[in-house]
Amino acid sequence: QVQLVESGGGLVQAGGSLRLFCAVSGRASSIYTMGWFRQAPGKVYEFVAAIRWDFGNTNYADSVKGRFTISRNDAKNTLYLQMNSLKPEDTGVYYCAVNPLTWTMNPATYRYWGQGTQVTVSS
């Protein structure tokens, strides 16, 4: 079992920055991939960024490349998402999630999820 708690969301103007945090507890040794996903009102989960927990390989959605950075601190069992040059279309609830088995961007395959943190970008 892995427990995840997100924080760091808030209201920011377009062009601003936010840093999201995901605290990991439980069996962190079972993590293969960690991802950030977001959900806008009335829409499905959208992949944002992922990181392979052991080697640090990363992948990003085209919509956030060059603006967002995913990283992790093994010692602190924390996942981060640095978001710069935010746009109104980045608005949504952001979730961190764990896939214990493989490198994938498909949210349906992620087993553990946090409760989410709201990000609102005003124009």
PDB file of N, CA and C in Angstrom:
ATOM      1  N   GLN A   1       0.836  -1.199   0.000  1.00  0.00           N
ATOM      2  CA  GLN A   1       0.000   0.000   0.000  1.00  0.00           C
ATOM      3  C   GLN A   1       0.868   1.246   0.000  1.00  0.00           C
ATOM      4  N   VAL A   2       0.434   2.228  -0.755  1.00  0.00           N
ATOM      5  CA  VAL A   2       1.114   3.522  -0.820  1.00  0.00           C
ATOM      6  C   VAL A   2       0.070   4.603  -0.578  1.00  0.00           C
ATOM      7  N   GLN A   3       0.404   5.555   0.260  1.00  0.00           N
ATOM      8  CA  GLN A   3      -0.484   6.683   0.514  1.00  0.00           C
ATOM      9  C   GLN A   3       0.147   7.954  -0.060  1.00  0.00           C
ATOM     10  N   LEU A   4      -0.699   8.777  -0.662  1.00  0.00           N
ATOM     11  CA  LEU A   4      -0.234   9.987  -1.331  1.00  0.00           C
ATOM     12  C   LEU A   4      -1.047  11.184  -0.861  1.00  0.00           C
ATOM     13  N   VAL A   5      -0.358  12.274  -0.579  1.00  0.00           N
ATOM     14  CA  VAL A   5      -1.043  13.503  -0.175  1.00  0.00           C
ATOM     15  C   VAL A   5      -0.454  14.673  -0.956  1.00  0.00           C
ATOM     16  N   GLU A   6      -1.292  15.325  -1.758  1.00  0.00           N
ATOM     17  CA  GLU A   6      -0.850  16.472  -2.546  1.00  0.00           C
ATOM     18  C   GLU A   6      -1.046  17.778  -1.781  1.00  0.00           C
ATOM     19  N   SER A   7      -0.247  18.762  -2.128  1.00  0.00           N
ATOM     20  CA  SER A   7      -0.405  20.113  -1.596  1.00  0.00           C
ATOM     21  C   SER A   7       0.248  21.091  -2.559  1.00  0.00           C
ATOM     22  N   GLY A   8       0.023  22.379  -2.325  1.00  0.00           N
ATOM     23  CA  GLY A   8       0.680  23.394  -3.131  1.00  0.00           C
ATOM     24  C   GLY A   8      -0.190  24.075  -4.158  1.00  0.00           C
ATOM     25  N   GLY A   9      -1.413  23.597  -4.314  1.00  0.00           N
ATOM     26  CA  GLY A   9      -2.300  24.223  -5.280  1.00  0.00           C
ATOM     27  C   GLY A   9      -2.749  25.597  -4.814  1.00  0.00           C
ATOM     28  N   GLY A  10      -3.429  26.323  -5.702  1.00  0.00           N
ATOM     29  CA  GLY A  10      -3.922  27.637  -5.345  1.00  0.00           C
ATOM     30  C   GLY A  10      -4.386  28.400  -6.556  1.00  0.00           C
ATOM     31  N   LEU A  11      -4.614  29.688  -6.333  1.00  0.00           N
ATOM     32  CA  LEU A  11      -5.049  30.597  -7.388  1.00  0.00           C
ATOM     33  C   LEU A  11      -3.871  31.450  -7.815  1.00  0.00           C
ATOM     34  N   VAL A  12      -3.641  31.518  -9.126  1.00  0.00           N
ATOM     35  CA  VAL A  12      -2.512  32.285  -9.643  1.00  0.00           C
ATOM     36  C   VAL A  12      -2.928  32.940 -10.953  1.00  0.00           C
ATOM     37  N   GLN A  13      -2.328  34.064 -11.256  1.00  0.00           N
ATOM     38  CA  GLN A  13      -2.615  34.728 -12.526  1.00  0.00           C
ATOM     39  C   GLN A  13      -1.855  34.061 -13.663  1.00  0.00           C
ATOM     40  N   ALA A  14      -2.368  34.193 -14.849  1.00  0.00           N
ATOM     41  CA  ALA A  14      -1.684  33.659 -16.026  1.00  0.00           C
ATOM     42  C   ALA A  14      -0.267  34.210 -16.091  1.00  0.00           C
ATOM     43  N   GLY A  15       0.667  33.330 -16.406  1.00  0.00           N
ATOM     44  CA  GLY A  15       2.079  33.692 -16.437  1.00  0.00           C
ATOM     45  C   GLY A  15       2.803  33.425 -15.140  1.00  0.00           C
ATOM     46  N   GLY A  16       2.059  33.132 -14.093  1.00  0.00           N
ATOM     47  CA  GLY A  16       2.649  32.872 -12.791  1.00  0.00           C
ATOM     48  C   GLY A  16       3.136  31.449 -12.638  1.00  0.00           C
ATOM     49  N   SER A  17       3.584  31.125 -11.422  1.00  0.00           N
ATOM     50  CA  SER A  17       4.157  29.819 -11.128  1.00  0.00           C
ATOM     51  C   SER A  17       3.555  29.234  -9.855  1.00  0.00           C
ATOM     52  N   LEU A  18       3.533  27.931  -9.799  1.00  0.00           N
ATOM     53  CA  LEU A  18       3.166  27.184  -8.597  1.00  0.00           C
ATOM     54  C   LEU A  18       4.042  25.947  -8.522  1.00  0.00           C
ATOM     55  N   ARG A  19       4.253  25.466  -7.298  1.00  0.00           N
ATOM     56  CA  ARG A  19       4.962  24.206  -7.114  1.00  0.00           C
ATOM     57  C   ARG A  19       4.067  23.271  -6.328  1.00  0.00           C
ATOM     58  N   LEU A  20       3.800  22.128  -6.909  1.00  0.00           N
ATOM     59  CA  LEU A  20       2.990  21.116  -6.248  1.00  0.00           C
ATOM     60  C   LEU A  20       3.888  20.089  -5.561  1.00  0.00           C
ATOM     61  N   PHE A  21       3.371  19.572  -4.452  1.00  0.00           N
ATOM     62  CA  PHE A  21       4.080  18.563  -3.673  1.00  0.00           C
ATOM     63  C   PHE A  21       3.195  17.334  -3.527  1.00  0.00           C
ATOM     64  N   CYS A  22       3.835  16.173  -3.489  1.00  0.00           N
ATOM     65  CA  CYS A  22       3.127  14.926  -3.239  1.00  0.00           C
ATOM     66  C   CYS A  22       3.949  14.142  -2.224  1.00  0.00           C
ATOM     67  N   ALA A  23       3.426  14.045  -1.015  1.00  0.00           N
ATOM     68  CA  ALA A  23       4.102  13.279   0.033  1.00  0.00           C
ATOM     69  C   ALA A  23       3.733  11.812  -0.086  1.00  0.00           C
ATOM     70  N   VAL A  24       4.755  10.963  -0.104  1.00  0.00           N
ATOM     71  CA  VAL A  24       4.571   9.522  -0.286  1.00  0.00           C
ATOM     72  C   VAL A  24       4.853   8.805   1.023  1.00  0.00           C
ATOM     73  N   SER A  25       3.936   7.937   1.433  1.00  0.00           N
ATOM     74  CA  SER A  25       4.174   7.104   2.610  1.00  0.00           C
ATOM     75  C   SER A  25       3.718   5.682   2.304  1.00  0.00           C
ATOM     76  N   GLY A  26       4.131   4.765   3.174  1.00  0.00           N
ATOM     77  CA  GLY A  26       3.822   3.359   2.941  1.00  0.00           C
ATOM     78  C   GLY A  26       4.965   2.684   2.209  1.00  0.00           C
ATOM     79  N   ARG A  27       4.654   1.761   1.327  1.00  0.00           N
ATOM     80  CA  ARG A  27       5.660   0.957   0.644  1.00  0.00           C
ATOM     81  C   ARG A  27       6.217   1.702  -0.575  1.00  0.00           C
ATOM     82  N   ALA A  28       7.035   2.712  -0.304  1.00  0.00           N
ATOM     83  CA  ALA A  28       7.614   3.488  -1.410  1.00  0.00           C
ATOM     84  C   ALA A  28       8.523   2.625  -2.279  1.00  0.00           C
ATOM     85  N   SER A  29       9.058   1.553  -1.717  1.00  0.00           N
ATOM     86  CA  SER A  29       9.945   0.680  -2.483  1.00  0.00           C
ATOM     87  C   SER A  29       9.214  -0.036  -3.607  1.00  0.00           C
ATOM     88  N   SER A  30       7.888  -0.047  -3.565  1.00  0.00           N
ATOM     89  CA  SER A  30       7.110  -0.728  -4.601  1.00  0.00           C
ATOM     90  C   SER A  30       6.789   0.180  -5.785  1.00  0.00           C
ATOM     91  N   ILE A  31       7.237   1.429  -5.747  1.00  0.00           N
ATOM     92  CA  ILE A  31       6.899   2.384  -6.808  1.00  0.00           C
ATOM     93  C   ILE A  31       7.759   2.141  -8.043  1.00  0.00           C
ATOM     94  N   TYR A  32       7.131   2.075  -9.200  1.00  0.00           N
ATOM     95  CA  TYR A  32       7.862   2.010 -10.462  1.00  0.00           C
ATOM     96  C   TYR A  32       7.804   3.369 -11.156  1.00  0.00           C
ATOM     97  N   THR A  33       6.597   3.861 -11.354  1.00  0.00           N
ATOM     98  CA  THR A  33       6.384   5.160 -12.000  1.00  0.00           C
ATOM     99  C   THR A  33       5.477   6.022 -11.133  1.00  0.00           C
ATOM    100  N   MET A  34       5.807   7.294 -11.053  1.00  0.00           N
ATOM    101  CA  MET A  34       4.890   8.252 -10.443  1.00  0.00           C
ATOM    102  C   MET A  34       4.497   9.277 -11.487  1.00  0.00           C
ATOM    103  N   GLY A  35       3.248   9.659 -11.444  1.00  0.00           N
ATOM    104  CA  GLY A  35       2.749  10.600 -12.427  1.00  0.00           C
ATOM    105  C   GLY A  35       1.930  11.704 -11.810  1.00  0.00           C
ATOM    106  N   TRP A  36       1.836  12.783 -12.548  1.00  0.00           N
ATOM    107  CA  TRP A  36       0.897  13.869 -12.246  1.00  0.00           C
ATOM    108  C   TRP A  36      -0.176  13.863 -13.335  1.00  0.00           C
ATOM    109  N   PHE A  37      -1.401  13.919 -12.900  1.00  0.00           N
ATOM    110  CA  PHE A  37      -2.540  13.997 -13.804  1.00  0.00           C
ATOM    111  C   PHE A  37      -3.402  15.173 -13.372  1.00  0.00           C
ATOM    112  N   ARG A  38      -4.238  15.642 -14.282  1.00  0.00           N
ATOM    113  CA  ARG A  38      -5.150  16.718 -13.911  1.00  0.00           C
ATOM    114  C   ARG A  38      -6.525  16.441 -14.520  1.00  0.00           C
ATOM    115  N   GLN A  39      -7.509  17.043 -13.877  1.00  0.00           N
ATOM    116  CA  GLN A  39      -8.881  16.881 -14.349  1.00  0.00           C
ATOM    117  C   GLN A  39      -9.579  18.223 -14.285  1.00  0.00           C
ATOM    118  N   ALA A  40      -9.987  18.713 -15.445  1.00  0.00           N
ATOM    119  CA  ALA A  40     -10.762  19.943 -15.522  1.00  0.00           C
ATOM    120  C   ALA A  40     -12.239  19.572 -15.376  1.00  0.00           C
ATOM    121  N   PRO A  41     -13.078  20.518 -14.985  1.00  0.00           N
ATOM    122  CA  PRO A  41     -14.500  20.223 -14.807  1.00  0.00           C
ATOM    123  C   PRO A  41     -15.114  19.629 -16.068  1.00  0.00           C
ATOM    124  N   GLY A  42     -15.783  18.498 -15.902  1.00  0.00           N
ATOM    125  CA  GLY A  42     -16.466  17.862 -17.019  1.00  0.00           C
ATOM    126  C   GLY A  42     -15.563  17.108 -17.970  1.00  0.00           C
ATOM    127  N   LYS A  43     -14.283  16.978 -17.623  1.00  0.00           N
ATOM    128  CA  LYS A  43     -13.347  16.301 -18.525  1.00  0.00           C
ATOM    129  C   LYS A  43     -12.734  15.099 -17.839  1.00  0.00           C
ATOM    130  N   VAL A  44     -12.125  14.232 -18.641  1.00  0.00           N
ATOM    131  CA  VAL A  44     -11.471  13.035 -18.110  1.00  0.00           C
ATOM    132  C   VAL A  44     -10.087  13.410 -17.586  1.00  0.00           C
ATOM    133  N   TYR A  45      -9.500  12.451 -16.883  1.00  0.00           N
ATOM    134  CA  TYR A  45      -8.134  12.638 -16.398  1.00  0.00           C
ATOM    135  C   TYR A  45      -7.197  12.842 -17.592  1.00  0.00           C
ATOM    136  N   GLU A  46      -6.282  13.794 -17.424  1.00  0.00           N
ATOM    137  CA  GLU A  46      -5.307  14.103 -18.478  1.00  0.00           C
ATOM    138  C   GLU A  46      -3.907  13.906 -17.917  1.00  0.00           C
ATOM    139  N   PHE A  47      -3.087  13.182 -18.650  1.00  0.00           N
ATOM    140  CA  PHE A  47      -1.690  13.001 -18.257  1.00  0.00           C
ATOM    141  C   PHE A  47      -0.958  14.335 -18.323  1.00  0.00           C
ATOM    142  N   VAL A  48      -0.146  14.611 -17.317  1.00  0.00           N
ATOM    143  CA  VAL A  48       0.651  15.836 -17.284  1.00  0.00           C
ATOM    144  C   VAL A  48       2.142  15.516 -17.365  1.00  0.00           C
ATOM    145  N   ALA A  49       2.627  14.677 -16.435  1.00  0.00           N
ATOM    146  CA  ALA A  49       4.053  14.361 -16.382  1.00  0.00           C
ATOM    147  C   ALA A  49       4.244  13.075 -15.597  1.00  0.00           C
ATOM    148  N   ALA A  50       5.345  12.382 -15.886  1.00  0.00           N
ATOM    149  CA  ALA A  50       5.654  11.150 -15.173  1.00  0.00           C
ATOM    150  C   ALA A  50       7.148  11.042 -14.951  1.00  0.00           C
ATOM    151  N   ILE A  51       7.519  10.291 -13.924  1.00  0.00           N
ATOM    152  CA  ILE A  51       8.927  10.062 -13.612  1.00  0.00           C
ATOM    153  C   ILE A  51       9.111   8.630 -13.157  1.00  0.00           C
ATOM    154  N   ARG A  52      10.151   8.002 -13.643  1.00  0.00           N
ATOM    155  CA  ARG A  52      10.480   6.660 -13.166  1.00  0.00           C
ATOM    156  C   ARG A  52      11.214   6.826 -11.845  1.00  0.00           C
ATOM    157  N   TRP A  53      10.685   6.174 -10.831  1.00  0.00           N
ATOM    158  CA  TRP A  53      11.143   6.449  -9.462  1.00  0.00           C
ATOM    159  C   TRP A  53      12.607   6.069  -9.253  1.00  0.00           C
ATOM    160  N   ASP A  54      13.090   5.007  -9.880  1.00  0.00           N
ATOM    161  CA  ASP A  54      14.466   4.576  -9.633  1.00  0.00           C
ATOM    162  C   ASP A  54      15.474   5.373 -10.447  1.00  0.00           C
ATOM    163  N   PHE A  55      15.291   5.495 -11.754  1.00  0.00           N
ATOM    164  CA  PHE A  55      16.300   6.129 -12.604  1.00  0.00           C
ATOM    165  C   PHE A  55      16.016   7.598 -12.921  1.00  0.00           C
ATOM    166  N   GLY A  56      14.806   8.049 -12.639  1.00  0.00           N
ATOM    167  CA  GLY A  56      14.515   9.459 -12.855  1.00  0.00           C
ATOM    168  C   GLY A  56      14.145   9.847 -14.268  1.00  0.00           C
ATOM    169  N   ASN A  57      13.919   8.871 -15.152  1.00  0.00           N
ATOM    170  CA  ASN A  57      13.455   9.205 -16.500  1.00  0.00           C
ATOM    171  C   ASN A  57      12.144   9.976 -16.397  1.00  0.00           C
ATOM    172  N   THR A  58      11.972  10.951 -17.290  1.00  0.00           N
ATOM    173  CA  THR A  58      10.759  11.764 -17.242  1.00  0.00           C
ATOM    174  C   THR A  58      10.063  11.816 -18.597  1.00  0.00           C
ATOM    175  N   ASN A  59       8.788  12.142 -18.548  1.00  0.00           N
ATOM    176  CA  ASN A  59       7.999  12.330 -19.766  1.00  0.00           C
ATOM    177  C   ASN A  59       6.938  13.382 -19.481  1.00  0.00           C
ATOM    178  N   TYR A  60       6.600  14.153 -20.514  1.00  0.00           N
ATOM    179  CA  TYR A  60       5.656  15.256 -20.336  1.00  0.00           C
ATOM    180  C   TYR A  60       4.613  15.255 -21.443  1.00  0.00           C
ATOM    181  N   ALA A  61       3.431  15.728 -21.108  1.00  0.00           N
ATOM    182  CA  ALA A  61       2.439  16.000 -22.134  1.00  0.00           C
ATOM    183  C   ALA A  61       2.936  17.165 -22.987  1.00  0.00           C
ATOM    184  N   ASP A  62       2.609  17.139 -24.271  1.00  0.00           N
ATOM    185  CA  ASP A  62       3.054  18.213 -25.166  1.00  0.00           C
ATOM    186  C   ASP A  62       2.600  19.583 -24.671  1.00  0.00           C
ATOM    187  N   SER A  63       1.436  19.623 -24.052  1.00  0.00           N
ATOM    188  CA  SER A  63       0.859  20.899 -23.626  1.00  0.00           C
ATOM    189  C   SER A  63       1.637  21.568 -22.497  1.00  0.00           C
ATOM    190  N   VAL A  64       2.494  20.811 -21.801  1.00  0.00           N
ATOM    191  CA  VAL A  64       3.225  21.388 -20.665  1.00  0.00           C
ATOM    192  C   VAL A  64       4.739  21.367 -20.861  1.00  0.00           C
ATOM    193  N   LYS A  65       5.206  20.783 -21.947  1.00  0.00           N
ATOM    194  CA  LYS A  65       6.654  20.710 -22.178  1.00  0.00           C
ATOM    195  C   LYS A  65       7.266  22.094 -22.208  1.00  0.00           C
ATOM    196  N   GLY A  66       8.389  22.215 -21.525  1.00  0.00           N
ATOM    197  CA  GLY A  66       9.075  23.504 -21.468  1.00  0.00           C
ATOM    198  C   GLY A  66       8.551  24.431 -20.393  1.00  0.00           C
ATOM    199  N   ARG A  67       7.421  24.086 -19.788  1.00  0.00           N
ATOM    200  CA  ARG A  67       6.839  24.927 -18.729  1.00  0.00           C
ATOM    201  C   ARG A  67       6.801  24.212 -17.379  1.00  0.00           C
ATOM    202  N   PHE A  68       6.578  22.910 -17.385  1.00  0.00           N
ATOM    203  CA  PHE A  68       6.473  22.127 -16.151  1.00  0.00           C
ATOM    204  C   PHE A  68       7.698  21.236 -15.994  1.00  0.00           C
ATOM    205  N   THR A  69       8.071  20.987 -14.742  1.00  0.00           N
ATOM    206  CA  THR A  69       9.171  20.079 -14.443  1.00  0.00           C
ATOM    207  C   THR A  69       8.766  19.153 -13.309  1.00  0.00           C
ATOM    208  N   ILE A  70       8.871  17.847 -13.562  1.00  0.00           N
ATOM    209  CA  ILE A  70       8.604  16.857 -12.530  1.00  0.00           C
ATOM    210  C   ILE A  70       9.932  16.413 -11.927  1.00  0.00           C
ATOM    211  N   SER A  71       9.943  16.225 -10.622  1.00  0.00           N
ATOM    212  CA  SER A  71      11.165  15.764  -9.955  1.00  0.00           C
ATOM    213  C   SER A  71      10.773  15.035  -8.683  1.00  0.00           C
ATOM    214  N   ARG A  72      11.751  14.333  -8.106  1.00  0.00           N
ATOM    215  CA  ARG A  72      11.461  13.639  -6.852  1.00  0.00           C
ATOM    216  C   ARG A  72      12.664  13.705  -5.945  1.00  0.00           C
ATOM    217  N   ASN A  73      12.393  13.570  -4.649  1.00  0.00           N
ATOM    218  CA  ASN A  73      13.428  13.502  -3.631  1.00  0.00           C
ATOM    219  C   ASN A  73      13.270  12.152  -2.950  1.00  0.00           C
ATOM    220  N   ASP A  74      14.174  11.218  -3.278  1.00  0.00           N
ATOM    221  CA  ASP A  74      14.061   9.871  -2.727  1.00  0.00           C
ATOM    222  C   ASP A  74      14.120   9.877  -1.205  1.00  0.00           C
ATOM    223  N   ALA A  75      15.038  10.670  -0.674  1.00  0.00           N
ATOM    224  CA  ALA A  75      15.251  10.656   0.771  1.00  0.00           C
ATOM    225  C   ALA A  75      14.026  11.156   1.518  1.00  0.00           C
ATOM    226  N   LYS A  76      13.338  12.120   0.929  1.00  0.00           N
ATOM    227  CA  LYS A  76      12.165  12.697   1.576  1.00  0.00           C
ATOM    228  C   LYS A  76      10.870  12.045   1.102  1.00  0.00           C
ATOM    229  N   ASN A  77      10.980  11.090   0.165  1.00  0.00           N
ATOM    230  CA  ASN A  77       9.779  10.455  -0.399  1.00  0.00           C
ATOM    231  C   ASN A  77       8.762  11.496  -0.836  1.00  0.00           C
ATOM    232  N   THR A  78       9.240  12.439  -1.628  1.00  0.00           N
ATOM    233  CA  THR A  78       8.377  13.519  -2.096  1.00  0.00           C
ATOM    234  C   THR A  78       8.500  13.671  -3.601  1.00  0.00           C
ATOM    235  N   LEU A  79       7.370  13.888  -4.232  1.00  0.00           N
ATOM    236  CA  LEU A  79       7.297  14.168  -5.663  1.00  0.00           C
ATOM    237  C   LEU A  79       6.925  15.635  -5.831  1.00  0.00           C
ATOM    238  N   TYR A  80       7.500  16.271  -6.850  1.00  0.00           N
ATOM    239  CA  TYR A  80       7.249  17.681  -7.083  1.00  0.00           C
ATOM    240  C   TYR A  80       6.766  17.908  -8.519  1.00  0.00           C
ATOM    241  N   LEU A  81       6.052  18.996  -8.700  1.00  0.00           N
ATOM    242  CA  LEU A  81       5.730  19.475 -10.037  1.00  0.00           C
ATOM    243  C   LEU A  81       5.876  20.993 -10.022  1.00  0.00           C
ATOM    244  N   GLN A  82       6.943  21.463 -10.658  1.00  0.00           N
ATOM    245  CA  GLN A  82       7.155  22.898 -10.781  1.00  0.00           C
ATOM    246  C   GLN A  82       6.437  23.366 -12.043  1.00  0.00           C
ATOM    247  N   MET A  83       5.528  24.307 -11.872  1.00  0.00           N
ATOM    248  CA  MET A  83       4.709  24.780 -12.991  1.00  0.00           C
ATOM    249  C   MET A  83       4.986  26.266 -13.215  1.00  0.00           C
ATOM    250  N   ASN A  84       5.526  26.578 -14.371  1.00  0.00           N
ATOM    251  CA  ASN A  84       5.838  27.965 -14.739  1.00  0.00           C
ATOM    252  C   ASN A  84       5.009  28.385 -15.944  1.00  0.00           C
ATOM    253  N   SER A  85       4.957  29.681 -16.172  1.00  0.00           N
ATOM    254  CA  SER A  85       4.211  30.230 -17.317  1.00  0.00           C
ATOM    255  C   SER A  85       2.811  29.626 -17.410  1.00  0.00           C
ATOM    256  N   LEU A  86       2.128  29.617 -16.294  1.00  0.00           N
ATOM    257  CA  LEU A  86       0.818  28.983 -16.237  1.00  0.00           C
ATOM    258  C   LEU A  86      -0.197  29.689 -17.131  1.00  0.00           C
ATOM    259  N   LYS A  87      -1.099  28.884 -17.690  1.00  0.00           N
ATOM    260  CA  LYS A  87      -2.144  29.377 -18.582  1.00  0.00           C
ATOM    261  C   LYS A  87      -3.513  29.022 -17.996  1.00  0.00           C
ATOM    262  N   PRO A  88      -4.555  29.743 -18.372  1.00  0.00           N
ATOM    263  CA  PRO A  88      -5.894  29.400 -17.867  1.00  0.00           C
ATOM    264  C   PRO A  88      -6.280  27.946 -18.161  1.00  0.00           C
ATOM    265  N   GLU A  89      -5.822  27.417 -19.272  1.00  0.00           N
ATOM    266  CA  GLU A  89      -6.163  26.027 -19.613  1.00  0.00           C
ATOM    267  C   GLU A  89      -5.444  25.007 -18.732  1.00  0.00           C
ATOM    268  N   ASP A  90      -4.548  25.453 -17.872  1.00  0.00           N
ATOM    269  CA  ASP A  90      -3.915  24.550 -16.900  1.00  0.00           C
ATOM    270  C   ASP A  90      -4.791  24.355 -15.662  1.00  0.00           C
ATOM    271  N   THR A  91      -5.886  25.059 -15.592  1.00  0.00           N
ATOM    272  CA  THR A  91      -6.784  24.959 -14.441  1.00  0.00           C
ATOM    273  C   THR A  91      -7.361  23.559 -14.307  1.00  0.00           C
ATOM    274  N   GLY A  92      -7.397  23.064 -13.070  1.00  0.00           N
ATOM    275  CA  GLY A  92      -7.975  21.757 -12.812  1.00  0.00           C
ATOM    276  C   GLY A  92      -7.532  21.241 -11.462  1.00  0.00           C
ATOM    277  N   VAL A  93      -8.000  20.054 -11.127  1.00  0.00           N
ATOM    278  CA  VAL A  93      -7.534  19.370  -9.927  1.00  0.00           C
ATOM    279  C   VAL A  93      -6.357  18.493 -10.335  1.00  0.00           C
ATOM    280  N   TYR A  94      -5.260  18.667  -9.643  1.00  0.00           N
ATOM    281  CA  TYR A  94      -4.037  17.930  -9.959  1.00  0.00           C
ATOM    282  C   TYR A  94      -3.864  16.784  -8.963  1.00  0.00           C
ATOM    283  N   TYR A  95      -3.596  15.610  -9.506  1.00  0.00           N
ATOM    284  CA  TYR A  95      -3.431  14.403  -8.710  1.00  0.00           C
ATOM    285  C   TYR A  95      -2.050  13.798  -8.954  1.00  0.00           C
ATOM    286  N   CYS A  96      -1.434  13.297  -7.894  1.00  0.00           N
ATOM    287  CA  CYS A  96      -0.275  12.441  -8.080  1.00  0.00           C
ATOM    288  C   CYS A  96      -0.744  10.993  -7.946  1.00  0.00           C
ATOM    289  N   ALA A  97      -0.059  10.104  -8.631  1.00  0.00           N
ATOM    290  CA  ALA A  97      -0.481   8.713  -8.665  1.00  0.00           C
ATOM    291  C   ALA A  97       0.722   7.806  -8.855  1.00  0.00           C
ATOM    292  N   VAL A  98       0.539   6.549  -8.484  1.00  0.00           N
ATOM    293  CA  VAL A  98       1.607   5.545  -8.536  1.00  0.00           C
ATOM    294  C   VAL A  98       1.199   4.361  -9.403  1.00  0.00           C
ATOM    295  N   ASN A  99       2.104   3.971 -10.297  1.00  0.00           N
ATOM    296  CA  ASN A  99       1.992   2.680 -10.961  1.00  0.00           C
ATOM    297  C   ASN A  99       3.129   1.816 -10.450  1.00  0.00           C
ATOM    298  N   PRO A 100       2.811   0.708  -9.774  1.00  0.00           N
ATOM    299  CA  PRO A 100       3.864  -0.101  -9.161  1.00  0.00           C
ATOM    300  C   PRO A 100       4.547  -1.076 -10.118  1.00  0.00           C
ATOM    301  N   LEU A 101       4.067  -1.149 -11.362  1.00  0.00           N
ATOM    302  CA  LEU A 101       4.529  -2.229 -12.226  1.00  0.00           C
ATOM    303  C   LEU A 101       5.292  -1.792 -13.462  1.00  0.00           C
ATOM    304  N   THR A 102       4.962  -0.643 -14.051  1.00  0.00           N
ATOM    305  CA  THR A 102       5.510  -0.354 -15.364  1.00  0.00           C
ATOM    306  C   THR A 102       5.584   1.148 -15.642  1.00  0.00           C
ATOM    307  N   TRP A 103       6.272   1.467 -16.760  1.00  0.00           N
ATOM    308  CA  TRP A 103       6.422   2.842 -17.241  1.00  0.00           C
ATOM    309  C   TRP A 103       5.271   3.101 -18.201  1.00  0.00           C
ATOM    310  N   THR A 104       4.330   3.930 -17.776  1.00  0.00           N
ATOM    311  CA  THR A 104       3.138   4.170 -18.569  1.00  0.00           C
ATOM    312  C   THR A 104       2.554   5.540 -18.248  1.00  0.00           C
ATOM    313  N   MET A 105       1.840   6.096 -19.234  1.00  0.00           N
ATOM    314  CA  MET A 105       1.192   7.390 -19.038  1.00  0.00           C
ATOM    315  C   MET A 105      -0.331   7.230 -18.964  1.00  0.00           C
ATOM    316  N   ASN A 106      -0.809   6.014 -18.990  1.00  0.00           N
ATOM    317  CA  ASN A 106      -2.236   5.744 -18.989  1.00  0.00           C
ATOM    318  C   ASN A 106      -2.781   5.792 -17.567  1.00  0.00           C
ATOM    319  N   PRO A 107      -3.646   6.770 -17.246  1.00  0.00           N
ATOM    320  CA  PRO A 107      -4.116   6.877 -15.862  1.00  0.00           C
ATOM    321  C   PRO A 107      -4.889   5.660 -15.388  1.00  0.00           C
ATOM    322  N   ALA A 108      -5.481   4.917 -16.294  1.00  0.00           N
ATOM    323  CA  ALA A 108      -6.271   3.749 -15.892  1.00  0.00           C
ATOM    324  C   ALA A 108      -5.403   2.655 -15.274  1.00  0.00           C
ATOM    325  N   THR A 109      -4.107   2.718 -15.502  1.00  0.00           N
ATOM    326  CA  THR A 109      -3.207   1.682 -14.982  1.00  0.00           C
ATOM    327  C   THR A 109      -2.559   2.069 -13.664  1.00  0.00           C
ATOM    328  N   TYR A 110      -2.823   3.271 -13.178  1.00  0.00           N
ATOM    329  CA  TYR A 110      -2.220   3.703 -11.918  1.00  0.00           C
ATOM    330  C   TYR A 110      -3.067   3.212 -10.755  1.00  0.00           C
ATOM    331  N   ARG A 111      -2.398   2.634  -9.761  1.00  0.00           N
ATOM    332  CA  ARG A 111      -3.116   1.955  -8.695  1.00  0.00           C
ATOM    333  C   ARG A 111      -3.442   2.864  -7.516  1.00  0.00           C
ATOM    334  N   TYR A 112      -2.519   3.744  -7.161  1.00  0.00           N
ATOM    335  CA  TYR A 112      -2.703   4.571  -5.964  1.00  0.00           C
ATOM    336  C   TYR A 112      -2.799   6.045  -6.375  1.00  0.00           C
ATOM    337  N   TRP A 113      -3.729   6.740  -5.748  1.00  0.00           N
ATOM    338  CA  TRP A 113      -3.990   8.140  -6.074  1.00  0.00           C
ATOM    339  C   TRP A 113      -4.112   8.967  -4.804  1.00  0.00           C
ATOM    340  N   GLY A 114      -3.678  10.228  -4.907  1.00  0.00           N
ATOM    341  CA  GLY A 114      -3.930  11.161  -3.828  1.00  0.00           C
ATOM    342  C   GLY A 114      -5.316  11.755  -3.956  1.00  0.00           C
ATOM    343  N   GLN A 115      -5.618  12.686  -3.075  1.00  0.00           N
ATOM    344  CA  GLN A 115      -6.956  13.286  -3.041  1.00  0.00           C
ATOM    345  C   GLN A 115      -7.076  14.470  -3.990  1.00  0.00           C
ATOM    346  N   GLY A 116      -5.946  14.966  -4.491  1.00  0.00           N
ATOM    347  CA  GLY A 116      -5.947  16.065  -5.439  1.00  0.00           C
ATOM    348  C   GLY A 116      -5.779  17.425  -4.785  1.00  0.00           C
ATOM    349  N   THR A 117      -5.253  18.360  -5.569  1.00  0.00           N
ATOM    350  CA  THR A 117      -5.109  19.739  -5.128  1.00  0.00           C
ATOM    351  C   THR A 117      -5.545  20.651  -6.281  1.00  0.00           C
ATOM    352  N   GLN A 118      -6.338  21.670  -5.958  1.00  0.00           N
ATOM    353  CA  GLN A 118      -6.922  22.530  -6.973  1.00  0.00           C
ATOM    354  C   GLN A 118      -5.923  23.580  -7.436  1.00  0.00           C
ATOM    355  N   VAL A 119      -5.798  23.703  -8.747  1.00  0.00           N
ATOM    356  CA  VAL A 119      -5.002  24.767  -9.364  1.00  0.00           C
ATOM    357  C   VAL A 119      -5.941  25.595 -10.233  1.00  0.00           C
ATOM    358  N   THR A 120      -5.981  26.881  -9.980  1.00  0.00           N
ATOM    359  CA  THR A 120      -6.822  27.780 -10.768  1.00  0.00           C
ATOM    360  C   THR A 120      -5.960  28.909 -11.321  1.00  0.00           C
ATOM    361  N   VAL A 121      -5.983  29.061 -12.641  1.00  0.00           N
ATOM    362  CA  VAL A 121      -5.194  30.092 -13.302  1.00  0.00           C
ATOM    363  C   VAL A 121      -6.162  31.101 -13.914  1.00  0.00           C
ATOM    364  N   SER A 122      -6.074  32.326 -13.456  1.00  0.00           N
ATOM    365  CA  SER A 122      -6.972  33.373 -13.956  1.00  0.00           C
ATOM    366  C   SER A 122      -6.315  34.117 -15.099  1.00  0.00           C
ATOM    367  N   SER A 123      -7.150  34.571 -16.028  1.00  0.00           N
ATOM    368  CA  SER A 123      -6.620  35.288 -17.201  1.00  0.00           C
ATOM    369  C   SER A 123      -6.523  36.786 -16.946  1.00  0.00           C
TER     370      SER A 123
END
